[in-house]
Amino acid sequence: MTNNYELLYLASENDDEAFEKIYKKYSSTIYNKAKKYSGNNAQNLDDFINIGNLTFYNTIKKYKYGCSFNTYLNTCLKNSLQNYQKSLNRYKNKILDEALSLYEERSMVIDSIFDERYNPEKIILAEESYQVFRDKIIENLTWEEELVLTLKEQDYSPKEISQIIDNNLKSVYNIINKIQKKVSNIM
């Protein structure tokens, strides 16, 4: 009969018979650890056993003589099964987070339906009111002031406006001030 260390050495050298003997010796340890970490959930138990078997195989390949194989195997099993358990929990949380995210998006859509800012009637009325107000303003502006106002509405900066109308920057600021005074008089 060969001892544990000889079996481990032979199993690490791909001796199938030695691997079977050592596996029979530790299969109950793998099963018990897998059962513990799966939470006695029969659906997950097979996955945990497979992780345990893979860990057992890798442990034999990586085992360095010096510490007890039993201790080394238990530590490796614990680490790999805990990591797998954490990954399952992350996936469960991801599903819950996505479900909450969809709920929040749906809630935002519903809120926007009832929000007055998105009411088409109010938007059209506001646009019509603005257009009426703008028409009154334009009636009181020179053609140059109207051009500057239109460019400002299109989000051009004073510097850009000065380049477009081929006028110096100070003149553009003066025109903007005149427009502001006329708007305040109309209001």
Protein backbone atom coordinates (compact mmCIF):
# COMPACT_ATOMS: atom_id res chain seq x y z
CA MET A 1 0.00 0.00 0.00
CA THR A 2 1.31 3.43 -0.93
CA ASN A 3 1.08 6.42 1.37
CA ASN A 4 -0.72 9.72 0.74
CA TYR A 5 2.33 11.60 -0.54
CA GLU A 6 3.16 8.91 -3.08
CA LEU A 7 -0.44 8.95 -4.34
CA LEU A 8 -0.36 12.75 -4.58
CA TYR A 9 2.89 12.65 -6.53
CA LEU A 10 1.60 9.98 -8.91
CA ALA A 11 -1.75 11.81 -9.36
CA SER A 12 0.10 15.06 -10.16
CA GLU A 13 2.02 13.09 -12.82
CA ASN A 14 -1.32 12.11 -14.46
CA ASP A 15 -1.56 8.58 -13.04
CA ASP A 16 -5.30 7.88 -13.30
CA GLU A 17 -5.31 5.06 -10.80
CA ALA A 18 -3.57 7.16 -8.15
CA PHE A 19 -5.94 10.04 -8.88
CA GLU A 20 -8.99 7.78 -8.39
CA LYS A 21 -7.65 6.51 -5.06
CA ILE A 22 -6.93 9.98 -3.72
CA TYR A 23 -10.26 11.28 -5.06
CA LYS A 24 -12.18 8.52 -3.25
CA LYS A 25 -10.45 9.52 -0.06
CA TYR A 26 -11.41 13.22 -0.36
CA SER A 27 -14.74 13.08 -2.27
CA SER A 28 -16.77 13.28 0.94
CA THR A 29 -14.83 16.42 1.95
CA ILE A 30 -15.61 18.00 -1.42
CA TYR A 31 -19.29 17.04 -1.14
CA ASN A 32 -19.67 18.35 2.43
CA LYS A 33 -17.98 21.68 1.62
CA ALA A 34 -20.09 22.07 -1.54
CA LYS A 35 -23.25 21.31 0.43
CA LYS A 36 -22.30 23.86 3.09
CA TYR A 37 -21.68 26.68 0.59
CA SER A 38 -24.67 25.88 -1.61
CA GLY A 39 -26.93 26.40 1.40
CA ASN A 40 -28.49 22.95 0.92
CA ASN A 41 -29.99 24.25 -2.33
CA ALA A 42 -30.28 21.17 -4.55
CA GLN A 43 -30.26 23.26 -7.73
CA ASN A 44 -26.92 24.87 -6.90
CA LEU A 45 -25.34 21.82 -5.23
CA ASP A 46 -24.22 20.27 -8.53
CA ASP A 47 -22.51 23.51 -9.54
CA PHE A 48 -20.73 23.74 -6.18
CA ILE A 49 -19.63 20.08 -6.44
CA ASN A 50 -18.24 20.76 -9.92
CA ILE A 51 -16.34 23.78 -8.60
CA GLY A 52 -15.06 21.60 -5.75
CA ASN A 53 -13.93 18.86 -8.15
CA LEU A 54 -12.12 21.36 -10.34
CA THR A 55 -10.47 22.85 -7.26
CA PHE A 56 -9.44 19.36 -6.12
CA TYR A 57 -7.83 18.66 -9.48
CA ASN A 58 -5.98 22.01 -9.46
CA THR A 59 -4.93 21.50 -5.84
CA ILE A 60 -3.25 18.21 -6.71
CA LYS A 61 -1.37 19.89 -9.57
CA LYS A 62 -0.26 22.87 -7.45
CA TYR A 63 0.39 21.12 -4.11
CA LYS A 64 3.82 21.81 -2.64
CA TYR A 65 4.99 19.36 -0.05
CA GLY A 66 5.51 20.85 3.37
CA CYS A 67 2.04 21.37 4.76
CA SER A 68 -0.71 18.84 5.20
CA PHE A 69 -2.57 18.14 1.95
CA ASN A 70 -5.83 17.99 3.89
CA THR A 71 -5.29 21.54 5.23
CA TYR A 72 -4.21 22.81 1.82
CA LEU A 73 -7.23 21.24 0.10
CA ASN A 74 -9.69 22.59 2.68
CA THR A 75 -8.27 26.10 2.32
CA CYS A 76 -8.43 25.96 -1.50
CA LEU A 77 -11.98 24.56 -1.41
CA LYS A 78 -13.09 27.24 1.01
CA ASN A 79 -11.65 30.03 -1.15
CA SER A 80 -13.00 28.78 -4.47
CA LEU A 81 -16.48 27.94 -3.12
CA GLN A 82 -16.74 31.30 -1.34
CA ASN A 83 -15.71 33.10 -4.53
CA TYR A 84 -18.31 31.17 -6.54
CA GLN A 85 -20.95 31.94 -3.91
CA LYS A 86 -20.07 35.66 -4.08
CA SER A 87 -20.30 35.63 -7.86
CA LEU A 88 -23.79 34.13 -7.62
CA ASN A 89 -24.81 36.85 -5.17
CA ARG A 90 -23.40 39.55 -7.48
CA TYR A 91 -25.49 38.15 -10.33
CA LYS A 92 -28.63 38.08 -8.17
CA ASN A 93 -28.02 41.68 -7.10
CA LYS A 94 -27.44 42.69 -10.72
CA ILE A 95 -30.87 41.34 -11.66
CA LEU A 96 -32.48 43.18 -8.75
CA ASP A 97 -30.64 46.39 -9.57
CA GLU A 98 -31.71 46.20 -13.20
CA ALA A 99 -35.30 45.54 -12.15
CA LEU A 100 -35.23 48.61 -9.89
CA SER A 101 -33.66 50.63 -12.66
CA LEU A 102 -36.47 49.67 -15.06
CA TYR A 103 -39.03 50.54 -12.39
CA GLU A 104 -37.43 53.97 -11.90
CA GLU A 105 -37.35 54.60 -15.66
CA ARG A 106 -41.01 53.62 -15.97
CA SER A 107 -41.82 55.89 -13.04
CA MET A 108 -39.94 58.78 -14.68
CA VAL A 109 -41.88 58.28 -17.93
CA ILE A 110 -45.17 58.30 -16.06
CA ASP A 111 -44.12 61.40 -14.10
CA SER A 112 -43.18 63.17 -17.32
CA ILE A 113 -46.64 62.46 -18.75
CA PHE A 114 -48.20 64.42 -15.91
CA ASP A 115 -45.48 67.08 -15.76
CA GLU A 116 -46.77 70.40 -17.08
CA ARG A 117 -43.42 71.17 -18.73
CA TYR A 118 -44.08 68.31 -21.20
CA ASN A 119 -47.71 69.18 -21.82
CA PRO A 120 -48.00 69.75 -25.60
CA GLU A 121 -50.80 72.30 -25.17
CA LYS A 122 -48.70 74.38 -22.78
CA ILE A 123 -45.66 74.11 -25.03
CA ILE A 124 -47.60 75.34 -28.07
CA LEU A 125 -49.15 78.19 -26.10
CA ALA A 126 -45.73 79.20 -24.75
CA GLU A 127 -44.26 79.14 -28.26
CA GLU A 128 -47.14 81.25 -29.59
CA SER A 129 -46.77 83.72 -26.73
CA TYR A 130 -43.04 83.97 -27.37
CA GLN A 131 -43.64 84.53 -31.08
CA VAL A 132 -46.15 87.33 -30.37
CA PHE A 133 -43.70 88.94 -27.92
CA ARG A 134 -40.80 88.57 -30.39
CA ASP A 135 -42.85 90.20 -33.16
CA LYS A 136 -43.52 93.22 -30.90
CA ILE A 137 -39.80 93.50 -30.14
CA ILE A 138 -38.77 93.28 -33.79
CA GLU A 139 -41.19 96.08 -34.71
CA ASN A 140 -39.08 98.42 -32.56
CA LEU A 141 -35.63 97.28 -33.77
CA THR A 142 -33.43 98.47 -36.61
CA TRP A 143 -32.35 95.91 -39.20
CA GLU A 144 -28.91 95.64 -37.55
CA GLU A 145 -30.43 95.10 -34.09
CA GLU A 146 -32.80 92.47 -35.53
CA LEU A 147 -29.84 90.66 -37.10
CA VAL A 148 -27.91 90.67 -33.79
CA LEU A 149 -31.02 89.44 -31.90
CA THR A 150 -31.50 86.59 -34.37
CA LEU A 151 -27.84 85.57 -34.08
CA LYS A 152 -28.04 85.71 -30.26
CA GLU A 153 -31.12 83.46 -30.38
CA GLN A 154 -29.03 81.00 -32.38
CA ASP A 155 -26.46 80.99 -29.53
CA TYR A 156 -23.71 82.91 -31.28
CA SER A 157 -21.29 84.66 -28.94
CA PRO A 158 -20.74 88.45 -29.26
CA LYS A 159 -17.30 87.75 -30.71
CA GLU A 160 -18.77 85.47 -33.39
CA ILE A 161 -21.51 88.01 -34.13
CA SER A 162 -18.90 90.73 -34.62
CA GLN A 163 -17.14 88.55 -37.19
CA ILE A 164 -20.40 87.66 -38.98
CA ILE A 165 -21.67 91.25 -39.30
CA ASP A 166 -18.17 92.59 -39.84
CA ASN A 167 -18.34 95.05 -36.98
CA ASN A 168 -16.08 95.52 -33.96
CA LEU A 169 -16.88 93.77 -30.66
CA LYS A 170 -17.65 96.98 -28.79
CA SER A 171 -20.32 97.89 -31.35
CA VAL A 172 -21.93 94.47 -30.93
CA TYR A 173 -22.09 94.96 -27.15
CA ASN A 174 -23.66 98.40 -27.71
CA ILE A 175 -26.29 96.89 -30.01
CA ILE A 176 -27.07 94.18 -27.43
CA ASN A 177 -27.51 96.87 -24.75
CA LYS A 178 -29.90 98.82 -27.03
CA ILE A 179 -31.93 95.64 -27.62
CA GLN A 180 -32.12 94.98 -23.86
CA LYS A 181 -33.38 98.53 -23.22
CA LYS A 182 -36.05 98.23 -25.93
CA VAL A 183 -37.19 94.84 -24.56
CA SER A 184 -37.47 96.22 -21.02
CA ASN A 185 -39.52 99.21 -22.35
CA ILE A 186 -41.91 96.83 -24.13
CA MET A 187 -42.35 94.73 -21.01
